[in-house]
Protein backbone atom coordinates (compact mmCIF):
# COMPACT_ATOMS: atom_id res chain seq x y z
CA UNK A 1 77.00 60.23 104.47
CA UNK A 2 75.53 58.05 101.73
CA UNK A 3 77.18 60.23 99.11
CA UNK A 4 80.54 59.80 100.79
CA UNK A 5 80.11 56.04 101.06
CA UNK A 6 79.21 55.79 97.39
CA UNK A 7 82.32 57.66 96.27
CA UNK A 8 85.40 55.73 95.14
CA UNK A 9 88.63 57.19 96.46
CA UNK A 10 91.94 56.44 94.74
CA UNK A 11 94.63 56.43 97.43
CA UNK A 12 98.05 57.73 96.43
CA UNK A 13 99.83 55.60 99.02
CA UNK A 14 99.42 52.55 101.20
CA UNK A 15 100.50 52.57 104.84
CA UNK A 16 102.66 49.66 105.99
CA UNK A 17 102.52 48.35 109.55
CA UNK A 18 104.96 47.02 112.11
CA UNK A 19 104.04 44.88 115.08
CA UNK A 20 100.64 46.06 116.38
CA UNK A 21 100.69 47.59 119.84
CA UNK A 22 104.51 47.65 119.97
CA UNK A 23 105.12 51.09 118.47
CA UNK A 24 107.01 52.28 121.57
CA UNK A 25 109.74 49.68 121.14
CA UNK A 26 110.06 49.73 117.34
CA UNK A 27 113.66 50.92 117.63
CA UNK A 28 114.54 47.89 119.77
CA UNK A 29 112.67 45.55 117.41
CA UNK A 30 114.82 46.86 114.55
CA UNK A 31 117.97 45.43 116.18
CA UNK A 32 117.19 41.73 115.49
CA UNK A 33 116.03 42.65 111.98
CA UNK A 34 119.34 44.41 111.30
CA UNK A 35 121.21 41.44 112.74
CA UNK A 36 119.27 38.97 110.60
CA UNK A 37 119.77 41.14 107.52
CA UNK A 38 123.54 41.36 107.93
CA UNK A 39 123.97 37.65 108.74
CA UNK A 40 121.75 36.61 105.82
CA UNK A 41 123.53 38.86 103.31
CA UNK A 42 126.97 37.75 104.49
CA UNK A 43 126.03 34.07 104.66
CA UNK A 44 124.53 33.87 101.18
CA UNK A 45 127.30 36.03 99.70
CA UNK A 46 129.96 33.75 101.20
CA UNK A 47 128.19 30.71 99.74
CA UNK A 48 128.18 32.33 96.30
CA UNK A 49 131.81 33.42 96.58
CA UNK A 50 133.05 29.99 97.66
CA UNK A 51 131.15 28.17 94.90
CA UNK A 52 132.24 30.71 92.28
CA UNK A 53 135.94 30.59 93.15
CA UNK A 54 136.29 26.82 93.62
CA UNK A 55 136.11 24.83 90.36
CA UNK A 56 135.76 21.60 92.36
CA UNK A 57 132.35 22.86 93.53
CA UNK A 58 131.07 23.45 90.01
CA UNK A 59 128.72 20.50 90.32
CA UNK A 60 124.91 20.44 89.94
CA UNK A 61 124.22 20.29 93.69
CA UNK A 62 126.32 23.38 94.44
CA UNK A 63 125.11 25.29 91.38
CA UNK A 64 121.53 24.73 92.54
CA UNK A 65 122.61 25.95 95.99
CA UNK A 66 124.02 29.12 94.43
CA UNK A 67 120.67 29.65 92.62
CA UNK A 68 118.92 29.33 95.98
CA UNK A 69 121.30 31.86 97.54
CA UNK A 70 120.73 34.38 94.71
CA UNK A 71 116.95 34.02 95.07
CA UNK A 72 117.10 34.54 98.82
CA UNK A 73 119.30 37.61 98.42
CA UNK A 74 116.68 39.00 96.04
CA UNK A 75 113.91 38.44 98.59
CA UNK A 76 115.96 40.17 101.28
CA UNK A 77 116.63 43.18 99.06
CA UNK A 78 112.94 43.40 98.14
CA UNK A 79 111.62 43.31 101.72
CA UNK A 80 114.13 44.37 104.37
CA UNK A 81 114.50 48.07 103.34
CA UNK A 82 110.78 48.77 103.92
CA UNK A 83 110.80 46.73 107.15
CA UNK A 84 113.77 48.65 108.55
CA UNK A 85 112.24 51.93 107.33
CA UNK A 86 109.21 51.29 109.54
CA UNK A 87 111.09 50.24 112.67
CA UNK A 88 113.95 52.73 112.42
CA UNK A 89 112.36 55.84 110.89
CA UNK A 90 108.60 55.20 111.13
CA UNK A 91 108.51 55.49 107.33
CA UNK A 92 105.22 53.74 106.62
CA UNK A 93 104.13 55.23 103.30
CA UNK A 94 104.63 53.36 100.05
CA UNK A 95 103.25 54.51 96.70
CA UNK A 96 100.89 52.28 94.75
CA UNK A 97 103.39 51.62 91.95
CA UNK A 98 106.18 50.87 94.42
CA UNK A 99 103.84 48.54 96.28
CA UNK A 100 102.87 46.72 93.08
CA UNK A 101 106.54 46.39 92.10
CA UNK A 102 107.46 45.04 95.53
CA UNK A 103 104.73 42.39 95.57
CA UNK A 104 105.74 41.35 92.04
CA UNK A 105 109.34 40.75 93.12
CA UNK A 106 108.34 39.02 96.37
CA UNK A 107 105.88 36.61 94.74
CA UNK A 108 107.99 35.91 91.64
CA UNK A 109 111.11 35.25 93.74
CA UNK A 110 109.11 32.92 95.98
CA UNK A 111 107.94 31.01 92.88
CA UNK A 112 111.54 30.82 91.66
CA UNK A 113 112.75 29.61 95.06
CA UNK A 114 110.07 26.93 95.08
CA UNK A 115 111.21 25.77 91.64
CA UNK A 116 114.87 25.74 92.73
CA UNK A 117 113.96 23.56 95.73
CA UNK A 118 112.24 21.20 93.28
CA UNK A 119 115.42 21.07 91.16
CA UNK A 120 117.44 20.28 94.27
CA UNK A 121 115.01 17.47 95.12
CA UNK A 122 115.42 16.15 91.56
CA UNK A 123 119.20 16.29 92.02
CA UNK A 124 118.97 14.18 95.21
CA UNK A 125 116.51 11.79 93.53
CA UNK A 126 118.86 11.10 90.61
CA UNK A 127 121.94 10.87 92.87
CA UNK A 128 120.34 8.24 95.12
CA UNK A 129 117.90 6.37 92.88
CA UNK A 130 119.91 6.37 89.64
CA UNK A 131 123.53 7.23 90.51
CA UNK A 132 125.05 5.61 87.42
CA UNK A 133 123.20 8.02 85.14
CA UNK A 134 123.69 11.10 87.33
CA UNK A 135 126.52 12.56 85.24
CA UNK A 136 124.67 12.01 81.96
CA UNK A 137 121.31 13.40 83.15
CA UNK A 138 122.48 16.47 85.11
CA UNK A 139 125.18 17.81 82.81
CA UNK A 140 126.60 21.28 83.41
CA UNK A 141 125.17 22.77 80.16
CA UNK A 142 121.66 21.74 81.26
CA UNK A 143 121.80 23.48 84.65
CA UNK A 144 121.56 27.11 83.39
CA UNK A 145 118.65 26.11 81.14
CA UNK A 146 116.83 24.63 84.14
CA UNK A 147 117.45 27.82 86.09
CA UNK A 148 116.15 29.93 83.19
CA UNK A 149 112.95 27.87 83.06
CA UNK A 150 112.45 28.51 86.80
CA UNK A 151 112.87 32.26 86.33
CA UNK A 152 110.58 32.46 83.29
CA UNK A 153 107.88 30.43 85.01
CA UNK A 154 107.96 32.66 88.09
CA UNK A 155 107.77 35.85 86.03
CA UNK A 156 105.04 34.54 83.70
CA UNK A 157 102.79 33.37 86.53
CA UNK A 158 103.19 36.46 88.74
CA UNK A 159 103.31 39.18 86.05
CA UNK A 160 99.48 39.46 85.74
CA UNK A 161 99.07 40.16 89.47
CA UNK A 162 100.24 43.81 89.54
CA UNK A 163 98.39 44.41 86.26
CA UNK A 164 95.16 43.25 87.90
CA UNK A 165 95.75 45.51 90.89
CA UNK A 166 96.42 48.59 88.75
CA UNK A 167 92.90 48.35 87.32
CA UNK A 168 91.22 48.77 90.71
CA UNK A 169 90.04 51.80 92.63
CA UNK A 170 90.99 51.65 96.33
CA UNK A 171 88.34 53.13 98.61
CA UNK A 172 88.73 51.11 101.81
CA UNK A 173 91.26 51.66 104.58
CA UNK A 174 94.70 51.89 103.00
CA UNK A 175 96.57 50.43 106.01
CA UNK A 176 98.25 47.11 105.25
CA UNK A 177 98.85 44.68 108.09
CA UNK A 178 102.37 43.73 106.95
CA UNK A 179 105.63 45.64 106.60
CA UNK A 180 105.65 44.93 102.85
CA UNK A 181 103.09 44.44 100.07
CA UNK A 182 101.42 41.10 99.34
CA UNK A 183 98.91 40.45 96.58
CA UNK A 184 96.26 38.89 98.85
CA UNK A 185 96.25 41.88 101.16
CA UNK A 186 96.39 44.69 98.61
CA UNK A 187 93.59 43.02 96.64
CA UNK A 188 91.26 43.24 99.66
CA UNK A 189 91.59 47.05 99.64
CA UNK A 190 89.86 47.32 96.25
CA UNK A 191 86.27 48.53 95.84
CA UNK A 192 85.58 46.28 92.84
CA UNK A 193 84.69 42.61 92.64
CA UNK A 194 87.89 40.65 93.28
CA UNK A 195 86.57 37.11 92.81
CA UNK A 196 88.38 36.59 89.47
CA UNK A 197 91.65 37.94 90.83
CA UNK A 198 91.33 35.86 93.99
CA UNK A 199 90.75 32.75 91.87
CA UNK A 200 93.79 33.50 89.72
CA UNK A 201 95.91 34.08 92.80
CA UNK A 202 94.88 30.69 94.18
CA UNK A 203 95.49 29.07 90.78
CA UNK A 204 98.97 30.63 90.57
CA UNK A 205 99.80 29.39 94.08
CA UNK A 206 98.64 25.84 93.28
CA UNK A 207 100.39 25.82 89.89
CA UNK A 208 103.73 26.81 91.39
CA UNK A 209 104.23 26.06 95.07
CA UNK A 210 101.44 23.49 95.29
CA UNK A 211 102.71 21.48 92.33
CA UNK A 212 106.35 21.86 93.37
CA UNK A 213 105.69 20.67 96.94
CA UNK A 214 103.77 17.65 95.61
CA UNK A 215 106.62 16.69 93.27
CA UNK A 216 109.16 17.15 96.09
CA UNK A 217 107.07 14.86 98.29
CA UNK A 218 106.90 12.23 95.53
CA UNK A 219 110.65 12.44 94.98
CA UNK A 220 111.33 11.81 98.67
CA UNK A 221 108.91 8.89 98.70
CA UNK A 222 110.95 7.35 95.87
CA UNK A 223 114.21 8.20 97.67
CA UNK A 224 112.97 6.59 100.88
CA UNK A 225 111.84 3.51 98.96
CA UNK A 226 115.27 3.20 97.33
CA UNK A 227 117.16 3.80 100.58
CA UNK A 228 115.14 1.21 102.50
CA UNK A 229 116.05 -1.36 99.88
CA UNK A 230 119.76 -0.87 100.59
CA UNK A 231 121.11 -3.81 102.54
CA UNK A 232 123.72 -1.90 104.54
CA UNK A 233 122.35 0.27 107.36
CA UNK A 234 125.47 2.45 107.19
CA UNK A 235 124.96 3.14 103.48
CA UNK A 236 121.30 3.88 104.16
CA UNK A 237 122.20 6.54 106.73
CA UNK A 238 124.86 7.99 104.44
CA UNK A 239 122.35 8.38 101.61
CA UNK A 240 119.75 10.01 103.87
CA UNK A 241 122.38 12.32 105.35
CA UNK A 242 122.89 13.94 101.94
CA UNK A 243 119.22 15.02 101.99
CA UNK A 244 119.06 16.62 105.44
CA UNK A 245 120.10 20.11 104.30
CA UNK A 246 117.56 20.12 101.51
CA UNK A 247 114.81 18.81 103.77
CA UNK A 248 115.50 21.64 106.23
CA UNK A 249 115.30 24.18 103.39
CA UNK A 250 112.00 22.67 102.16
CA UNK A 251 110.41 22.73 105.62
CA UNK A 252 111.61 26.28 106.33
CA UNK A 253 110.14 27.49 103.06
CA UNK A 254 106.84 25.62 102.71
CA UNK A 255 105.64 25.37 106.32
CA UNK A 256 105.21 29.10 107.10
CA UNK A 257 104.12 29.81 103.51
CA UNK A 258 101.37 27.21 103.76
CA UNK A 259 100.31 28.57 107.14
CA UNK A 260 100.22 32.14 105.81
CA UNK A 261 98.12 31.12 102.80
CA UNK A 262 95.61 29.31 105.02
CA UNK A 263 95.37 32.27 107.42
CA UNK A 264 94.89 34.77 104.58
CA UNK A 265 92.12 32.79 102.89
CA UNK A 266 90.30 31.09 105.76
CA UNK A 267 91.44 32.66 109.03
CA UNK A 268 89.30 35.77 109.09
CA UNK A 269 89.17 35.74 112.88
CA UNK A 270 92.86 34.95 113.36
CA UNK A 271 95.21 37.22 115.28
CA UNK A 272 96.92 39.92 113.16
CA UNK A 273 100.11 39.21 115.11
CA UNK A 274 100.03 35.59 113.87
CA UNK A 275 99.83 36.74 110.25
CA UNK A 276 102.69 39.19 110.72
CA UNK A 277 104.96 36.64 112.43
CA UNK A 278 104.25 33.98 109.78
CA UNK A 279 105.05 36.55 107.10
CA UNK A 280 108.38 37.44 108.71
CA UNK A 281 109.26 33.76 109.18
CA UNK A 282 108.43 32.82 105.58
CA UNK A 283 110.52 35.63 104.08
CA UNK A 284 113.39 36.20 106.51
CA UNK A 285 114.17 32.91 108.25
CA UNK A 286 115.13 30.74 105.20
CA UNK A 287 117.81 33.20 103.96
CA UNK A 288 119.22 33.25 107.51
CA UNK A 289 119.19 29.52 108.27
CA UNK A 290 119.88 27.88 104.89
CA UNK A 291 123.51 29.09 104.51
CA UNK A 292 124.25 27.94 108.06
CA UNK A 293 122.70 24.50 107.55
CA UNK A 294 124.40 23.90 104.19
CA UNK A 295 127.76 25.11 105.52
CA UNK A 296 127.54 22.73 108.47
CA UNK A 297 126.26 19.70 106.55
CA UNK A 298 128.39 19.95 103.39
CA UNK A 299 131.89 18.76 104.18
CA UNK A 300 133.44 20.21 101.00
CA UNK A 301 131.73 23.57 101.40
CA UNK A 302 132.60 23.78 105.10
CA UNK A 303 136.27 22.98 104.43
CA UNK A 304 136.60 25.72 101.84
CA UNK A 305 134.82 28.30 103.99
CA UNK A 306 137.14 27.51 106.90
CA UNK A 307 140.13 27.73 104.60
CA UNK A 308 139.13 31.24 103.48
CA UNK A 309 138.59 32.52 107.02
CA UNK A 310 141.74 30.88 108.36
CA UNK A 311 143.77 32.60 105.66
């Protein structure tokens, strides 16, 4: 027995998991996932199509929204196929390289989405706090460069993670508790010392989402300060109304992500079901809700969507 325990096994695959204890109804659980997938793909695709085909919407706010839609489509494509594979076909196996590639795309796209939400907060900050300089600060040639910086930062920060994981031997149970691969969870399967990798993972999270959320909070403090100084109550409400869609997107993204990070690092005795539900919410709910919220709150976007469907 001691010889077996001292041996390092290199697993060829990881096993993904669905909802624990609900294996008998996996086929029924797949129905809402399919529904969410279709609605999310259609909603974000419609947003992109409307913005692309309407020159009047080629403004910074809508270009940032299209960046958000592209990022969310990427997250859906990276996660939903393995989720549906589990619930529809009981296809739980995923190779190590495929797992590493999936977690790279998931984490890098989350970093990019966080950066895009920061750009959208900056857009609202300039529009409300310094409207006279809005056109000169957020010019159309600058927007693609901002988006490129977001992409490069996400790739640069996340790229070391799969490289770290490829160096490990995996000798513990190879069953993951989620329906997709996450760095924090795969790392715990390693036999080696993971303290350095855990520290880097925390550093990467703080450098990206932590810093972005802090800057978003500061921007809204400045927006609130500016709005409260407006004499007219009607103008105050009008200014705040332009921020509601973005605030919903920020809360949908950061709240479950923060909860999942806390549970992974400090909630050793927490329910596995809680972790799984938080993971699904953080990845699948924003792509579903954000197109609906922005379509309802943006008068120009809503009018053009209705025009397309009425035709």
